[in-house]
Amino acid sequence: QKAPGWYGTHEIEIAPDSLLARLTGRPKAMVN
């Protein structure tokens, strides 16, 4: 990305019941 590192530029879809889903509490997230 060309944006600052703290800024999410694309979306990820997170698998339900995964460790990442439990940690973030989200099914989708904007990340760098």
PDB file of all heavy atoms in Angstrom:
ATOM      1  N   GLN A   1       0.804  -1.217   0.000  1.00  0.00           N
ATOM      2  CA  GLN A   1       0.000   0.000   0.000  1.00  0.00           C
ATOM      3  C   GLN A   1       0.836   1.266   0.000  1.00  0.00           C
ATOM      4  O   GLN A   1       2.001   1.275   0.422  1.00  0.00           O
ATOM      5  CB  GLN A   1      -0.950  -0.004   1.198  1.00  0.00           C
ATOM      6  CG  GLN A   1      -0.287   0.199   2.557  1.00  0.00           C
ATOM      7  CD  GLN A   1      -1.289   0.046   3.685  1.00  0.00           C
ATOM      8  OE1 GLN A   1      -2.044  -0.903   3.740  1.00  0.00           O
ATOM      9  NE2 GLN A   1      -1.279   0.995   4.622  1.00  0.00           N
ATOM     10  N   LYS A   2       0.218   2.342  -0.437  1.00  0.00           N
ATOM     11  CA  LYS A   2       0.855   3.662  -0.450  1.00  0.00           C
ATOM     12  C   LYS A   2       0.396   4.522   0.730  1.00  0.00           C
ATOM     13  O   LYS A   2       0.860   5.642   0.895  1.00  0.00           O
ATOM     14  CB  LYS A   2       0.522   4.395  -1.754  1.00  0.00           C
ATOM     15  CG  LYS A   2       0.692   3.564  -3.014  1.00  0.00           C
ATOM     16  CD  LYS A   2       2.071   2.971  -3.164  1.00  0.00           C
ATOM     17  CE  LYS A   2       2.168   2.171  -4.467  1.00  0.00           C
ATOM     18  NZ  LYS A   2       3.372   1.321  -4.508  1.00  0.00           N
ATOM     19  N   ALA A   3      -0.499   3.996   1.538  1.00  0.00           N
ATOM     20  CA  ALA A   3      -1.042   4.718   2.693  1.00  0.00           C
ATOM     21  C   ALA A   3      -0.166   4.486   3.921  1.00  0.00           C
ATOM     22  O   ALA A   3       0.662   3.568   3.949  1.00  0.00           O
ATOM     23  CB  ALA A   3      -2.474   4.249   2.970  1.00  0.00           C
ATOM     24  N   PRO A   4      -0.343   5.292   4.974  1.00  0.00           N
ATOM     25  CA  PRO A   4       0.415   5.075   6.210  1.00  0.00           C
ATOM     26  C   PRO A   4       0.164   3.681   6.789  1.00  0.00           C
ATOM     27  O   PRO A   4      -0.894   3.073   6.576  1.00  0.00           O
ATOM     28  CB  PRO A   4      -0.121   6.157   7.152  1.00  0.00           C
ATOM     29  CG  PRO A   4      -0.686   7.206   6.259  1.00  0.00           C
ATOM     30  CD  PRO A   4      -1.216   6.488   5.058  1.00  0.00           C
ATOM     31  N   GLY A   5       1.140   3.188   7.558  1.00  0.00           N
ATOM     32  CA  GLY A   5       1.058   1.842   8.083  1.00  0.00           C
ATOM     33  C   GLY A   5      -0.092   1.591   9.030  1.00  0.00           C
ATOM     34  O   GLY A   5      -0.573   0.448   9.136  1.00  0.00           O
ATOM     35  N   TRP A   6      -0.552   2.615   9.722  1.00  0.00           N
ATOM     36  CA  TRP A   6      -1.644   2.426  10.678  1.00  0.00           C
ATOM     37  C   TRP A   6      -3.005   2.333  10.003  1.00  0.00           C
ATOM     38  O   TRP A   6      -4.001   2.003  10.648  1.00  0.00           O
ATOM     39  CB  TRP A   6      -1.670   3.578  11.698  1.00  0.00           C
ATOM     40  CG  TRP A   6      -1.747   4.949  11.103  1.00  0.00           C
ATOM     41  CD1 TRP A   6      -0.705   5.796  10.878  1.00  0.00           C
ATOM     42  CD2 TRP A   6      -2.926   5.644  10.670  1.00  0.00           C
ATOM     43  NE1 TRP A   6      -1.154   6.975  10.320  1.00  0.00           N
ATOM     44  CE2 TRP A   6      -2.525   6.914  10.193  1.00  0.00           C
ATOM     45  CE3 TRP A   6      -4.290   5.328  10.653  1.00  0.00           C
ATOM     46  CZ2 TRP A   6      -3.420   7.843   9.693  1.00  0.00           C
ATOM     47  CZ3 TRP A   6      -5.192   6.258  10.144  1.00  0.00           C
ATOM     48  CH2 TRP A   6      -4.749   7.498   9.668  1.00  0.00           C
ATOM     49  N   TYR A   7      -3.056   2.596   8.687  1.00  0.00           N
ATOM     50  CA  TYR A   7      -4.325   2.699   7.975  1.00  0.00           C
ATOM     51  C   TYR A   7      -4.623   1.410   7.207  1.00  0.00           C
ATOM     52  O   TYR A   7      -3.792   0.927   6.425  1.00  0.00           O
ATOM     53  CB  TYR A   7      -4.259   3.877   7.001  1.00  0.00           C
ATOM     54  CG  TYR A   7      -5.555   4.176   6.288  1.00  0.00           C
ATOM     55  CD1 TYR A   7      -6.613   4.784   6.966  1.00  0.00           C
ATOM     56  CD2 TYR A   7      -5.717   3.874   4.945  1.00  0.00           C
ATOM     57  CE1 TYR A   7      -7.804   5.068   6.314  1.00  0.00           C
ATOM     58  CE2 TYR A   7      -6.900   4.162   4.284  1.00  0.00           C
ATOM     59  CZ  TYR A   7      -7.939   4.756   4.975  1.00  0.00           C
ATOM     60  OH  TYR A   7      -9.115   5.041   4.329  1.00  0.00           O
ATOM     61  N   GLY A   8      -5.812   0.843   7.425  1.00  0.00           N
ATOM     62  CA  GLY A   8      -6.219  -0.355   6.711  1.00  0.00           C
ATOM     63  C   GLY A   8      -6.702  -0.030   5.316  1.00  0.00           C
ATOM     64  O   GLY A   8      -7.586   0.822   5.142  1.00  0.00           O
ATOM     65  N   THR A   9      -6.151  -0.698   4.306  1.00  0.00           N
ATOM     66  CA  THR A   9      -6.489  -0.380   2.913  1.00  0.00           C
ATOM     67  C   THR A   9      -7.291  -1.464   2.213  1.00  0.00           C
ATOM     68  O   THR A   9      -7.843  -1.212   1.139  1.00  0.00           O
ATOM     69  CB  THR A   9      -5.219  -0.107   2.090  1.00  0.00           C
ATOM     70  OG1 THR A   9      -4.368  -1.267   2.142  1.00  0.00           O
ATOM     71  CG2 THR A   9      -4.477   1.097   2.634  1.00  0.00           C
ATOM     72  N   HIS A  10      -7.314  -2.677   2.737  1.00  0.00           N
ATOM     73  CA  HIS A  10      -8.165  -3.698   2.135  1.00  0.00           C
ATOM     74  C   HIS A  10      -8.814  -4.540   3.220  1.00  0.00           C
ATOM     75  O   HIS A  10      -8.331  -4.612   4.353  1.00  0.00           O
ATOM     76  CB  HIS A  10      -7.443  -4.557   1.100  1.00  0.00           C
ATOM     77  CG  HIS A  10      -6.328  -5.405   1.645  1.00  0.00           C
ATOM     78  ND1 HIS A  10      -6.471  -6.285   2.699  1.00  0.00           N
ATOM     79  CD2 HIS A  10      -5.047  -5.531   1.240  1.00  0.00           C
ATOM     80  CE1 HIS A  10      -5.345  -6.908   2.914  1.00  0.00           C
ATOM     81  NE2 HIS A  10      -4.454  -6.461   2.061  1.00  0.00           N
ATOM     82  N   GLU A  11      -9.912  -5.168   2.832  1.00  0.00           N
ATOM     83  CA  GLU A  11     -10.702  -5.929   3.800  1.00  0.00           C
ATOM     84  C   GLU A  11     -10.295  -7.397   3.789  1.00  0.00           C
ATOM     85  O   GLU A  11      -9.976  -7.961   2.747  1.00  0.00           O
ATOM     86  CB  GLU A  11     -12.181  -5.803   3.447  1.00  0.00           C
ATOM     87  CG  GLU A  11     -13.128  -6.452   4.461  1.00  0.00           C
ATOM     88  CD  GLU A  11     -14.580  -6.258   4.093  1.00  0.00           C
ATOM     89  OE1 GLU A  11     -15.020  -6.820   3.059  1.00  0.00           O
ATOM     90  OE2 GLU A  11     -15.274  -5.515   4.805  1.00  0.00           O
ATOM     91  N   ILE A  12     -10.310  -7.997   4.974  1.00  0.00           N
ATOM     92  CA  ILE A  12     -10.150  -9.438   5.082  1.00  0.00           C
ATOM     93  C   ILE A  12     -11.427 -10.034   5.666  1.00  0.00           C
ATOM     94  O   ILE A  12     -12.110  -9.404   6.477  1.00  0.00           O
ATOM     95  CB  ILE A  12      -8.944  -9.843   5.946  1.00  0.00           C
ATOM     96  CG1 ILE A  12      -9.071  -9.316   7.387  1.00  0.00           C
ATOM     97  CG2 ILE A  12      -7.654  -9.365   5.315  1.00  0.00           C
ATOM     98  CD1 ILE A  12      -8.023  -9.850   8.347  1.00  0.00           C
ATOM     99  N   GLU A  13     -11.734 -11.226   5.212  1.00  0.00           N
ATOM    100  CA  GLU A  13     -12.843 -11.987   5.780  1.00  0.00           C
ATOM    101  C   GLU A  13     -12.269 -13.041   6.704  1.00  0.00           C
ATOM    102  O   GLU A  13     -11.396 -13.822   6.298  1.00  0.00           O
ATOM    103  CB  GLU A  13     -13.685 -12.622   4.679  1.00  0.00           C
ATOM    104  CG  GLU A  13     -14.932 -13.305   5.206  1.00  0.00           C
ATOM    105  CD  GLU A  13     -15.938 -13.641   4.119  1.00  0.00           C
ATOM    106  OE1 GLU A  13     -15.745 -13.173   2.976  1.00  0.00           O
ATOM    107  OE2 GLU A  13     -16.895 -14.373   4.421  1.00  0.00           O
ATOM    108  N   ILE A  14     -12.749 -13.067   7.940  1.00  0.00           N
ATOM    109  CA  ILE A  14     -12.183 -13.914   8.989  1.00  0.00           C
ATOM    110  C   ILE A  14     -13.101 -15.106   9.235  1.00  0.00           C
ATOM    111  O   ILE A  14     -14.319 -14.948   9.358  1.00  0.00           O
ATOM    112  CB  ILE A  14     -11.990 -13.111  10.285  1.00  0.00           C
ATOM    113  CG1 ILE A  14     -11.079 -11.891  10.021  1.00  0.00           C
ATOM    114  CG2 ILE A  14     -11.414 -13.979  11.386  1.00  0.00           C
ATOM    115  CD1 ILE A  14     -10.988 -10.927  11.180  1.00  0.00           C
ATOM    116  N   ALA A  15     -12.517 -16.287   9.304  1.00  0.00           N
ATOM    117  CA  ALA A  15     -13.305 -17.503   9.500  1.00  0.00           C
ATOM    118  C   ALA A  15     -13.972 -17.502  10.874  1.00  0.00           C
ATOM    119  O   ALA A  15     -13.330 -17.186  11.880  1.00  0.00           O
ATOM    120  CB  ALA A  15     -12.419 -18.731   9.367  1.00  0.00           C
ATOM    121  N   PRO A  16     -15.251 -17.860  10.940  1.00  0.00           N
ATOM    122  CA  PRO A  16     -15.943 -17.931  12.236  1.00  0.00           C
ATOM    123  C   PRO A  16     -15.274 -18.962  13.147  1.00  0.00           C
ATOM    124  O   PRO A  16     -14.726 -19.962  12.680  1.00  0.00           O
ATOM    125  CB  PRO A  16     -17.357 -18.382  11.861  1.00  0.00           C
ATOM    126  CG  PRO A  16     -17.494 -18.086  10.412  1.00  0.00           C
ATOM    127  CD  PRO A  16     -16.126 -18.208   9.807  1.00  0.00           C
ATOM    128  N   ASP A  17     -15.301 -18.694  14.437  1.00  0.00           N
ATOM    129  CA  ASP A  17     -14.761 -19.605  15.455  1.00  0.00           C
ATOM    130  C   ASP A  17     -13.248 -19.795  15.364  1.00  0.00           C
ATOM    131  O   ASP A  17     -12.699 -20.680  16.023  1.00  0.00           O
ATOM    132  CB  ASP A  17     -15.452 -20.978  15.386  1.00  0.00           C
ATOM    133  CG  ASP A  17     -16.953 -20.881  15.626  1.00  0.00           C
ATOM    134  OD1 ASP A  17     -17.356 -20.068  16.473  1.00  0.00           O
ATOM    135  OD2 ASP A  17     -17.705 -21.609  14.954  1.00  0.00           O
ATOM    136  N   SER A  18     -12.576 -18.987  14.559  1.00  0.00           N
ATOM    137  CA  SER A  18     -11.115 -19.060  14.504  1.00  0.00           C
ATOM    138  C   SER A  18     -10.517 -18.275  15.666  1.00  0.00           C
ATOM    139  O   SER A  18     -11.188 -17.466  16.326  1.00  0.00           O
ATOM    140  CB  SER A  18     -10.604 -18.487  13.183  1.00  0.00           C
ATOM    141  OG  SER A  18     -10.932 -17.103  13.079  1.00  0.00           O
ATOM    142  N   LEU A  19      -9.244 -18.524  15.930  1.00  0.00           N
ATOM    143  CA  LEU A  19      -8.539 -17.757  16.962  1.00  0.00           C
ATOM    144  C   LEU A  19      -8.556 -16.272  16.622  1.00  0.00           C
ATOM    145  O   LEU A  19      -8.801 -15.430  17.501  1.00  0.00           O
ATOM    146  CB  LEU A  19      -7.098 -18.257  17.072  1.00  0.00           C
ATOM    147  CG  LEU A  19      -6.165 -17.472  17.999  1.00  0.00           C
ATOM    148  CD1 LEU A  19      -6.684 -17.452  19.433  1.00  0.00           C
ATOM    149  CD2 LEU A  19      -4.746 -18.052  17.939  1.00  0.00           C
ATOM    150  N   LEU A  20      -8.335 -15.935  15.354  1.00  0.00           N
ATOM    151  CA  LEU A  20      -8.332 -14.525  14.962  1.00  0.00           C
ATOM    152  C   LEU A  20      -9.692 -13.886  15.180  1.00  0.00           C
ATOM    153  O   LEU A  20      -9.782 -12.735  15.633  1.00  0.00           O
ATOM    154  CB  LEU A  20      -7.899 -14.398  13.503  1.00  0.00           C
ATOM    155  CG  LEU A  20      -7.761 -12.973  12.967  1.00  0.00           C
ATOM    156  CD1 LEU A  20      -6.755 -12.175  13.778  1.00  0.00           C
ATOM    157  CD2 LEU A  20      -7.369 -12.992  11.489  1.00  0.00           C
ATOM    158  N   ALA A  21     -10.763 -14.618  14.891  1.00  0.00           N
ATOM    159  CA  ALA A  21     -12.114 -14.085  15.115  1.00  0.00           C
ATOM    160  C   ALA A  21     -12.361 -13.866  16.599  1.00  0.00           C
ATOM    161  O   ALA A  21     -12.967 -12.854  16.996  1.00  0.00           O
ATOM    162  CB  ALA A  21     -13.151 -15.039  14.534  1.00  0.00           C
ATOM    163  N   ARG A  22     -11.914 -14.789  17.426  1.00  0.00           N
ATOM    164  CA  ARG A  22     -12.113 -14.639  18.876  1.00  0.00           C
ATOM    165  C   ARG A  22     -11.314 -13.457  19.418  1.00  0.00           C
ATOM    166  O   ARG A  22     -11.791 -12.729  20.300  1.00  0.00           O
ATOM    167  CB  ARG A  22     -11.718 -15.928  19.597  1.00  0.00           C
ATOM    168  CG  ARG A  22     -12.625 -17.114  19.274  1.00  0.00           C
ATOM    169  CD  ARG A  22     -12.423 -18.256  20.255  1.00  0.00           C
ATOM    170  NE  ARG A  22     -11.068 -18.796  20.212  1.00  0.00           N
ATOM    171  CZ  ARG A  22     -10.669 -19.768  19.398  1.00  0.00           C
ATOM    172  NH1 ARG A  22     -11.514 -20.281  18.514  1.00  0.00           N
ATOM    173  NH2 ARG A  22      -9.430 -20.225  19.436  1.00  0.00           N
ATOM    174  N   LEU A  23     -10.118 -13.263  18.923  1.00  0.00           N
ATOM    175  CA  LEU A  23      -9.274 -12.173  19.418  1.00  0.00           C
ATOM    176  C   LEU A  23      -9.814 -10.808  19.007  1.00  0.00           C
ATOM    177  O   LEU A  23      -9.860  -9.881  19.818  1.00  0.00           O
ATOM    178  CB  LEU A  23      -7.845 -12.338  18.909  1.00  0.00           C
ATOM    179  CG  LEU A  23      -7.044 -13.516  19.467  1.00  0.00           C
ATOM    180  CD1 LEU A  23      -5.732 -13.667  18.711  1.00  0.00           C
ATOM    181  CD2 LEU A  23      -6.779 -13.339  20.954  1.00  0.00           C
ATOM    182  N   THR A  24     -10.207 -10.672  17.739  1.00  0.00           N
ATOM    183  CA  THR A  24     -10.636  -9.368  17.232  1.00  0.00           C
ATOM    184  C   THR A  24     -12.114  -9.103  17.462  1.00  0.00           C
ATOM    185  O   THR A  24     -12.543  -7.948  17.472  1.00  0.00           O
ATOM    186  CB  THR A  24     -10.347  -9.248  15.726  1.00  0.00           C
ATOM    187  OG1 THR A  24     -11.097 -10.260  15.023  1.00  0.00           O
ATOM    188  CG2 THR A  24      -8.864  -9.426  15.439  1.00  0.00           C
ATOM    189  N   GLY A  25     -12.899 -10.173  17.609  1.00  0.00           N
ATOM    190  CA  GLY A  25     -14.341 -10.020  17.752  1.00  0.00           C
ATOM    191  C   GLY A  25     -15.030  -9.577  16.476  1.00  0.00           C
ATOM    192  O   GLY A  25     -16.139  -9.030  16.525  1.00  0.00           O
ATOM    193  N   ARG A  26     -14.415  -9.838  15.323  1.00  0.00           N
ATOM    194  CA  ARG A  26     -14.961  -9.344  14.063  1.00  0.00           C
ATOM    195  C   ARG A  26     -14.968 -10.436  12.993  1.00  0.00           C
ATOM    196  O   ARG A  26     -14.016 -11.223  12.893  1.00  0.00           O
ATOM    197  CB  ARG A  26     -14.130  -8.171  13.544  1.00  0.00           C
ATOM    198  CG  ARG A  26     -14.137  -6.982  14.493  1.00  0.00           C
ATOM    199  CD  ARG A  26     -13.554  -5.757  13.846  1.00  0.00           C
ATOM    200  NE  ARG A  26     -13.680  -4.602  14.728  1.00  0.00           N
ATOM    201  CZ  ARG A  26     -13.518  -3.349  14.332  1.00  0.00           C
ATOM    202  NH1 ARG A  26     -13.226  -3.081  13.072  1.00  0.00           N
ATOM    203  NH2 ARG A  26     -13.653  -2.353  15.196  1.00  0.00           N
ATOM    204  N   PRO A  27     -16.001 -10.447  12.137  1.00  0.00           N
ATOM    205  CA  PRO A  27     -16.003 -11.363  11.004  1.00  0.00           C
ATOM    206  C   PRO A  27     -15.252 -10.805   9.794  1.00  0.00           C
ATOM    207  O   PRO A  27     -14.855 -11.548   8.901  1.00  0.00           O
ATOM    208  CB  PRO A  27     -17.488 -11.511  10.683  1.00  0.00           C
ATOM    209  CG  PRO A  27     -18.092 -10.214  11.105  1.00  0.00           C
ATOM    210  CD  PRO A  27     -17.302  -9.754  12.305  1.00  0.00           C
ATOM    211  N   LYS A  28     -15.086  -9.486   9.763  1.00  0.00           N
ATOM    212  CA  LYS A  28     -14.342  -8.809   8.706  1.00  0.00           C
ATOM    213  C   LYS A  28     -13.548  -7.666   9.333  1.00  0.00           C
ATOM    214  O   LYS A  28     -13.914  -7.151  10.391  1.00  0.00           O
ATOM    215  CB  LYS A  28     -15.285  -8.262   7.627  1.00  0.00           C
ATOM    216  CG  LYS A  28     -16.067  -9.329   6.871  1.00  0.00           C
ATOM    217  CD  LYS A  28     -16.949  -8.698   5.800  1.00  0.00           C
ATOM    218  CE  LYS A  28     -17.721  -9.775   5.039  1.00  0.00           C
ATOM    219  NZ  LYS A  28     -18.557  -9.187   3.959  1.00  0.00           N
ATOM    220  N   ALA A  29     -12.473  -7.271   8.656  1.00  0.00           N
ATOM    221  CA  ALA A  29     -11.672  -6.172   9.186  1.00  0.00           C
ATOM    222  C   ALA A  29     -10.887  -5.527   8.056  1.00  0.00           C
ATOM    223  O   ALA A  29     -10.486  -6.197   7.095  1.00  0.00           O
ATOM    224  CB  ALA A  29     -10.713  -6.670  10.267  1.00  0.00           C
ATOM    225  N   MET A  30     -10.680  -4.234   8.181  1.00  0.00           N
ATOM    226  CA  MET A  30      -9.789  -3.516   7.276  1.00  0.00           C
ATOM    227  C   MET A  30      -8.381  -3.573   7.870  1.00  0.00           C
ATOM    228  O   MET A  30      -8.174  -3.227   9.036  1.00  0.00           O
ATOM    229  CB  MET A  30     -10.229  -2.066   7.116  1.00  0.00           C
ATOM    230  CG  MET A  30     -11.568  -1.893   6.415  1.00  0.00           C
ATOM    231  SD  MET A  30     -11.535  -2.434   4.679  1.00  0.00           S
ATOM    232  CE  MET A  30     -10.412  -1.219   3.956  1.00  0.00           C
ATOM    233  N   VAL A  31      -7.421  -4.036   7.060  1.00  0.00           N
ATOM    234  CA  VAL A  31      -6.049  -4.169   7.541  1.00  0.00           C
ATOM    235  C   VAL A  31      -5.084  -3.530   6.539  1.00  0.00           C
ATOM    236  O   VAL A  31      -5.428  -3.260   5.400  1.00  0.00           O
ATOM    237  CB  VAL A  31      -5.676  -5.650   7.777  1.00  0.00           C
ATOM    238  CG1 VAL A  31      -6.582  -6.276   8.837  1.00  0.00           C
ATOM    239  CG2 VAL A  31      -5.734  -6.453   6.477  1.00  0.00           C
ATOM    240  N   ASN A  32      -3.851  -3.359   6.982  1.00  0.00           N
ATOM    241  CA  ASN A  32      -2.812  -2.798   6.118  1.00  0.00           C
ATOM    242  C   ASN A  32      -2.157  -3.902   5.292  1.00  0.00           C
ATOM    243  O   ASN A  32      -2.457  -5.088   5.459  1.00  0.00           O
ATOM    244  CB  ASN A  32      -1.785  -2.017   6.940  1.00  0.00           C
ATOM    245  CG  ASN A  32      -1.142  -2.867   8.040  1.00  0.00           C
ATOM    246  OD1 ASN A  32      -1.252  -4.093   8.052  1.00  0.00           O
ATOM    247  ND2 ASN A  32      -0.478  -2.214   8.966  1.00  0.00           N
TER     248      ASN A  32
END
